Amino acid sequence: MEELEQKILDLLKDNLMSVSQIANKLNIRKDVAAAYLESLRQQGKLELFEVGKSKVYILPRRPLEVKKPRIIGIVSGKGGVGKTVISINLTAALNYFGKNAIALDGDVKTSGLGLQLGMYYFPITLNDVVKNDKNILSAIYIHPSGLRIIPASLSIEQIQVSALSKFINLPYFENSILIVDSPPGLEDIREILSFCEEIIFVTLPEIPSVANIFKLQEICKEFNVKPLGIIVNRYKKDKHEISIREIERVCELPILGVIPEDKIIKKSIYKKYPSFFLNPYSRSSLEFKKIAAKLLGFNFKPSLTSKIKGLFYGLGK
């Protein structure tokens, strides 16, 4: 009994998990998992929270200061480069490696993150957390794929995203990563930069898109935000595109990854489902794994078997 309780506590150290997820992970019945969780709660070893429509257990708050999560902004100087797609699938890839990663919608006027995932109704959003002092755990929603997001509302009211800092000082967010999907363009980017500690630039292999990185770099210096590098999206190896080497040279930043033009991404937008889960072995998914691994401090090299699986995975679905 004590051994199983410890396994449950170990699972909840870095992850937010429902009763069903814990039961599946430990290969036990759901009612058995629920009984153990309730026992741990009564012992004071766990706290019960409502996360969206689900009830989840987390480790109790500690009186000591909680270490803030790693906050990474996904930014670009113009819209239409695929920031939301990258935010969603990079979060999924980080989860794949066992990291407690959550996608946060920094575009507080459009709720693009939720819309792209086919999630339209949110009783509590990022806007409610900031404006009405709601518990941020109540603004976390779990997509059918298992991806966790903190959505914004469709309100036209402006809120200060930077004010979120005080709301994430919870044990659940310790050692986690927030991937912040930023608004398009340069106008609203300052508010995001005041909240993020690190950023990743997203660009298309085109001159106007790459040129905007220079403008963003200057703004980043004002906020002392650390640029991690560049993700080149929708790369086709076309002779009219700027080469990867040239982008790296002119921007003087490392290329974290190159996401190829991939049919599975178009399919995922139509299905409102992360492409990473539709085909975890596709060219784009393998590239997202490489990027996630770099962020976590190690290298990921896909096997030949993985590449072959990518050609046939999901056929007929």
Protein backbone atom coordinates (compact mmCIF):
# COMPACT_ATOMS: atom_id res chain seq x y z
CA MET A 1 0.00 0.00 0.00
CA GLU A 2 2.75 2.45 0.94
CA GLU A 3 4.64 1.58 -2.25
CA LEU A 4 1.62 2.42 -4.41
CA GLU A 5 1.03 5.66 -2.52
CA GLN A 6 4.63 6.69 -3.15
CA LYS A 7 4.27 5.89 -6.86
CA ILE A 8 1.24 8.19 -6.99
CA LEU A 9 3.11 11.00 -5.24
CA ASP A 10 6.05 10.55 -7.62
CA LEU A 11 3.71 10.83 -10.62
CA LEU A 12 2.27 14.09 -9.32
CA LYS A 13 5.62 15.77 -8.66
CA ASP A 14 5.92 17.15 -12.20
CA ASN A 15 2.53 16.41 -13.74
CA LEU A 16 -1.09 17.41 -13.47
CA MET A 17 -3.06 14.17 -13.83
CA SER A 18 -6.67 13.11 -13.56
CA VAL A 19 -7.81 9.99 -11.70
CA SER A 20 -8.18 8.14 -15.02
CA GLN A 21 -4.67 9.06 -16.14
CA ILE A 22 -3.17 7.87 -12.85
CA ALA A 23 -5.13 4.61 -13.05
CA ASN A 24 -3.90 3.97 -16.59
CA LYS A 25 -0.32 4.86 -15.71
CA LEU A 26 -0.23 2.46 -12.75
CA ASN A 27 -2.38 -0.19 -14.45
CA ILE A 28 -5.00 -0.22 -11.70
CA ARG A 29 -8.77 0.26 -11.69
CA LYS A 30 -10.09 3.81 -11.62
CA ASP A 31 -12.01 3.26 -8.36
CA VAL A 32 -8.86 1.92 -6.71
CA ALA A 33 -6.88 4.96 -7.85
CA ALA A 34 -9.64 7.26 -6.58
CA ALA A 35 -9.58 5.57 -3.17
CA TYR A 36 -5.81 5.93 -2.83
CA LEU A 37 -5.94 9.58 -3.91
CA GLU A 38 -8.66 10.38 -1.40
CA SER A 39 -6.68 8.62 1.33
CA LEU A 40 -3.61 10.73 0.50
CA ARG A 41 -5.75 13.86 0.57
CA GLN A 42 -7.07 12.99 4.03
CA GLN A 43 -3.48 12.48 5.19
CA GLY A 44 -2.65 16.00 3.98
CA LYS A 45 -0.28 14.72 1.31
CA LEU A 46 -2.43 15.94 -1.60
CA GLU A 47 -4.84 18.78 -2.34
CA LEU A 48 -7.93 18.51 -4.53
CA PHE A 49 -8.51 21.13 -7.26
CA GLU A 50 -10.95 21.58 -10.11
CA VAL A 51 -9.08 22.12 -13.38
CA GLY A 52 -11.61 23.08 -16.02
CA LYS A 53 -14.24 20.35 -15.82
CA SER A 54 -11.92 17.78 -14.28
CA LYS A 55 -11.02 17.12 -10.66
CA VAL A 56 -7.31 16.66 -10.12
CA TYR A 57 -5.00 16.14 -7.17
CA ILE A 58 -1.79 18.12 -6.68
CA LEU A 59 0.94 18.21 -4.07
CA PRO A 60 0.11 20.66 -1.26
CA ARG A 61 1.44 24.20 -1.18
CA ARG A 62 4.69 24.62 0.67
CA PRO A 63 5.33 27.54 3.00
CA LEU A 64 8.67 28.18 1.31
CA GLU A 65 8.91 30.25 -1.85
CA VAL A 66 8.00 28.23 -4.91
CA LYS A 67 10.31 28.29 -7.89
CA LYS A 68 8.68 29.95 -10.87
CA PRO A 69 8.12 27.97 -14.06
CA ARG A 70 10.18 28.45 -17.16
CA ILE A 71 8.26 30.87 -19.39
CA ILE A 72 9.05 30.78 -23.11
CA GLY A 73 7.36 33.15 -25.54
CA ILE A 74 6.79 32.12 -29.16
CA VAL A 75 7.01 35.40 -31.07
CA SER A 76 7.26 36.89 -34.54
CA GLY A 77 7.04 40.34 -36.06
CA LYS A 78 4.07 39.50 -38.27
CA GLY A 79 1.01 37.30 -38.33
CA GLY A 80 0.51 34.21 -40.44
CA VAL A 81 3.84 32.53 -39.72
CA GLY A 82 2.38 29.64 -37.70
CA LYS A 83 3.12 30.65 -34.08
CA THR A 84 0.00 28.94 -32.75
CA VAL A 85 0.73 25.67 -34.56
CA ILE A 86 4.27 25.74 -33.20
CA SER A 87 3.12 26.62 -29.66
CA ILE A 88 0.68 23.70 -29.63
CA ASN A 89 3.02 21.08 -31.04
CA LEU A 90 6.10 22.20 -29.11
CA THR A 91 4.07 21.89 -25.90
CA ALA A 92 3.03 18.39 -27.00
CA ALA A 93 6.66 17.45 -27.71
CA LEU A 94 7.77 18.68 -24.28
CA ASN A 95 5.02 16.55 -22.72
CA TYR A 96 6.30 13.61 -24.77
CA PHE A 97 9.62 13.89 -22.93
CA GLY A 98 7.83 13.88 -19.58
CA LYS A 99 7.89 17.63 -18.95
CA ASN A 100 4.93 19.40 -17.36
CA ALA A 101 4.32 21.84 -20.23
CA ILE A 102 1.25 24.00 -20.76
CA ALA A 103 0.34 26.21 -23.73
CA LEU A 104 -0.81 29.68 -22.67
CA ASP A 105 -2.70 32.01 -25.00
CA GLY A 106 -0.92 35.36 -24.91
CA ASP A 107 -3.18 36.77 -27.61
CA VAL A 108 -5.77 38.00 -25.13
CA LYS A 109 -8.16 39.44 -27.72
CA THR A 110 -8.78 36.50 -30.03
CA SER A 111 -8.37 33.21 -28.10
CA GLY A 112 -6.61 31.78 -31.15
CA LEU A 113 -5.17 28.87 -29.19
CA GLY A 114 -8.55 27.52 -28.15
CA LEU A 115 -10.14 28.15 -31.54
CA GLN A 116 -7.39 26.25 -33.35
CA LEU A 117 -7.99 23.27 -31.06
CA GLY A 118 -11.76 23.36 -31.50
CA MET A 119 -12.33 24.46 -27.90
CA TYR A 120 -14.85 27.30 -27.87
CA TYR A 121 -16.38 27.48 -24.40
CA PHE A 122 -14.34 28.37 -21.31
CA PRO A 123 -16.12 29.31 -18.05
CA ILE A 124 -12.88 30.79 -16.72
CA THR A 125 -10.13 32.22 -18.92
CA LEU A 126 -6.80 33.97 -18.59
CA ASN A 127 -8.72 37.25 -18.63
CA ASP A 128 -10.77 36.19 -15.58
CA VAL A 129 -7.62 35.20 -13.70
CA VAL A 130 -6.06 38.64 -14.16
CA LYS A 131 -9.20 40.80 -13.88
CA ASN A 132 -11.17 38.91 -11.24
CA ASP A 133 -8.40 37.25 -9.25
CA LYS A 134 -9.55 33.72 -10.13
CA ASN A 135 -7.44 30.65 -9.36
CA ILE A 136 -5.32 30.01 -12.44
CA LEU A 137 -5.71 26.24 -12.00
CA SER A 138 -9.39 26.74 -12.84
CA ALA A 139 -8.35 28.22 -16.19
CA ILE A 140 -6.43 25.11 -17.29
CA TYR A 141 -8.33 22.97 -19.79
CA ILE A 142 -7.43 19.55 -21.12
CA HIS A 143 -7.87 18.92 -24.85
CA PRO A 144 -9.04 15.41 -25.89
CA SER A 145 -5.44 14.78 -26.99
CA GLY A 146 -4.27 15.36 -23.39
CA LEU A 147 -2.69 18.74 -24.20
CA ARG A 148 -3.24 21.35 -21.48
CA ILE A 149 -3.96 24.96 -22.33
CA ILE A 150 -4.70 28.22 -20.54
CA PRO A 151 -6.96 30.08 -23.00
CA ALA A 152 -7.77 33.76 -23.38
CA SER A 153 -11.30 35.01 -23.97
CA LEU A 154 -12.75 36.71 -27.04
CA SER A 155 -13.14 39.97 -25.08
CA ILE A 156 -11.82 43.15 -26.69
CA GLU A 157 -10.73 44.40 -23.27
CA GLN A 158 -6.98 44.70 -22.84
CA ILE A 159 -5.44 42.96 -19.83
CA GLN A 160 -1.92 43.00 -18.49
CA VAL A 161 -0.43 39.58 -19.18
CA SER A 162 2.56 40.57 -17.05
CA ALA A 163 0.24 40.52 -14.02
CA LEU A 164 0.09 36.72 -14.35
CA SER A 165 3.41 36.38 -12.56
CA LYS A 166 1.78 36.50 -9.14
CA PHE A 167 -0.80 33.84 -10.08
CA ILE A 168 1.67 31.15 -11.13
CA ASN A 169 3.44 31.03 -7.78
CA LEU A 170 1.97 27.59 -7.05
CA PRO A 171 3.62 24.20 -6.43
CA TYR A 172 1.95 22.80 -9.54
CA PHE A 173 3.90 25.16 -11.80
CA GLU A 174 7.25 24.42 -10.18
CA ASN A 175 9.66 22.86 -12.69
CA SER A 176 7.06 23.26 -15.43
CA ILE A 177 7.27 25.11 -18.75
CA LEU A 178 4.73 27.63 -20.02
CA ILE A 179 4.76 28.03 -23.79
CA VAL A 180 3.22 31.44 -24.52
CA ASP A 181 1.57 31.90 -27.90
CA SER A 182 2.06 35.61 -28.57
CA PRO A 183 -0.20 37.99 -30.53
CA PRO A 184 0.68 38.78 -34.15
CA GLY A 185 2.68 41.87 -35.04
CA LEU A 186 4.84 44.23 -33.04
CA GLU A 187 2.14 46.34 -31.35
CA ASP A 188 1.15 44.00 -28.50
CA ILE A 189 4.46 42.17 -28.16
CA ARG A 190 5.82 44.35 -25.33
CA GLU A 191 3.24 43.07 -22.88
CA ILE A 192 4.26 39.48 -23.62
CA LEU A 193 7.96 40.26 -23.30
CA SER A 194 7.39 41.75 -19.85
CA PHE A 195 6.03 38.34 -18.75
CA CYS A 196 8.40 35.95 -20.54
CA GLU A 197 11.97 35.19 -19.52
CA GLU A 198 12.99 33.51 -22.78
CA ILE A 199 11.72 33.75 -26.33
CA ILE A 200 11.86 31.83 -29.57
CA PHE A 201 11.51 33.69 -32.86
CA VAL A 202 9.34 32.13 -35.57
CA THR A 203 9.93 33.06 -39.19
CA LEU A 204 9.10 31.93 -42.68
CA PRO A 205 12.05 31.56 -45.07
CA GLU A 206 11.16 34.91 -46.64
CA ILE A 207 12.89 38.30 -46.48
CA PRO A 208 10.00 40.32 -44.89
CA SER A 209 9.52 37.71 -42.17
CA VAL A 210 13.23 37.43 -41.39
CA ALA A 211 13.62 41.24 -41.39
CA ASN A 212 11.06 41.51 -38.59
CA ILE A 213 13.37 39.51 -36.32
CA PHE A 214 15.76 42.47 -36.26
CA LYS A 215 13.01 44.74 -34.92
CA LEU A 216 12.05 42.18 -32.30
CA GLN A 217 15.64 41.75 -31.17
CA GLU A 218 15.84 45.45 -30.34
CA ILE A 219 12.61 45.30 -28.33
CA CYS A 220 13.85 42.20 -26.49
CA LYS A 221 16.93 44.08 -25.34
CA GLU A 222 14.67 46.65 -23.63
CA PHE A 223 13.08 43.91 -21.52
CA ASN A 224 16.24 41.87 -20.93
CA VAL A 225 14.61 38.77 -22.41
CA LYS A 226 16.87 35.94 -23.52
CA PRO A 227 16.47 34.85 -27.18
CA LEU A 228 16.90 31.08 -27.43
CA GLY A 229 16.99 30.98 -31.21
CA ILE A 230 14.85 30.73 -34.32
CA ILE A 231 12.34 28.21 -35.65
CA VAL A 232 11.96 28.36 -39.42
CA ASN A 233 8.44 27.29 -40.34
CA ARG A 234 6.92 25.93 -43.56
CA TYR A 235 10.26 25.25 -45.19
CA LYS A 236 10.02 23.79 -48.71
CA LYS A 237 13.65 23.85 -49.91
CA ASP A 238 12.47 26.14 -52.69
CA LYS A 239 15.13 28.01 -54.66
CA HIS A 240 13.29 31.29 -53.98
CA GLU A 241 13.50 30.85 -50.20
CA ILE A 242 16.25 32.22 -47.98
CA SER A 243 18.58 29.40 -46.98
CA ILE A 244 18.72 28.24 -43.38
CA ARG A 245 22.42 29.08 -43.22
CA GLU A 246 21.72 32.64 -44.43
CA ILE A 247 18.96 33.18 -41.83
CA GLU A 248 21.31 32.04 -39.09
CA ARG A 249 24.11 34.26 -40.39
CA VAL A 250 22.17 37.51 -40.75
CA CYS A 251 20.23 37.14 -37.49
CA GLU A 252 23.25 35.93 -35.50
CA LEU A 253 21.06 33.45 -33.64
CA PRO A 254 21.03 29.64 -33.65
CA ILE A 255 18.39 27.79 -35.66
CA LEU A 256 16.56 25.62 -33.14
CA GLY A 257 14.64 23.75 -35.79
CA VAL A 258 13.21 23.77 -39.29
CA ILE A 259 9.56 22.72 -39.63
CA PRO A 260 8.95 21.45 -43.16
CA GLU A 261 5.79 22.08 -45.15
CA ASP A 262 3.84 19.03 -44.00
CA LYS A 263 0.39 17.78 -45.02
CA ILE A 264 -0.23 16.46 -41.51
CA ILE A 265 -0.22 20.03 -40.16
CA LYS A 266 -2.91 21.12 -42.63
CA LYS A 267 -4.90 18.04 -41.66
CA SER A 268 -4.49 18.87 -37.96
CA ILE A 269 -5.85 22.39 -38.43
CA TYR A 270 -8.93 20.94 -40.13
CA LYS A 271 -9.38 18.28 -37.42
CA LYS A 272 -8.65 20.73 -34.53
CA TYR A 273 -6.09 18.26 -33.19
CA PRO A 274 -2.33 18.67 -32.64
CA SER A 275 -0.41 17.26 -35.61
CA PHE A 276 2.11 15.82 -33.13
CA PHE A 277 -0.54 13.34 -31.98
CA LEU A 278 -2.08 12.68 -35.41
CA ASN A 279 1.30 11.37 -36.57
CA PRO A 280 4.10 11.41 -33.96
CA TYR A 281 6.52 10.10 -36.60
CA SER A 282 5.86 12.68 -39.33
CA ARG A 283 8.72 14.92 -40.50
CA SER A 284 7.30 17.88 -38.59
CA SER A 285 6.69 15.86 -35.40
CA LEU A 286 10.25 14.52 -35.41
CA GLU A 287 11.49 18.09 -35.80
CA PHE A 288 9.35 19.24 -32.86
CA LYS A 289 10.94 16.45 -30.80
CA LYS A 290 14.40 17.74 -31.75
CA ILE A 291 13.48 21.29 -30.70
CA ALA A 292 11.94 20.14 -27.40
CA ALA A 293 15.04 18.08 -26.63
CA LYS A 294 17.28 21.10 -27.23
CA LEU A 295 15.19 23.16 -24.81
CA LEU A 296 15.60 20.40 -22.21
CA GLY A 297 19.35 20.18 -22.72
CA PHE A 298 19.89 17.03 -24.76
CA ASN A 299 19.93 15.88 -28.38
CA PHE A 300 17.23 13.81 -30.02
CA LYS A 301 18.13 11.79 -33.09
CA PRO A 302 15.19 9.98 -34.70
CA SER A 303 15.83 6.37 -35.60
CA LEU A 304 15.44 5.02 -39.11
CA THR A 305 12.45 3.03 -37.84
CA SER A 306 10.75 6.24 -36.70
CA LYS A 307 11.25 7.82 -40.11
CA ILE A 308 9.78 4.78 -41.85
CA LYS A 309 6.81 4.74 -39.46
CA GLY A 310 6.15 8.35 -40.40
CA LEU A 311 5.48 7.31 -43.99
CA PHE A 312 2.75 4.82 -43.09
CA TYR A 313 1.40 5.97 -39.71
CA GLY A 314 -2.31 6.70 -39.74
CA LEU A 315 -2.99 5.45 -43.28
CA GLY A 316 -6.65 4.73 -43.64
CA LYS A 317 -7.67 6.91 -40.71
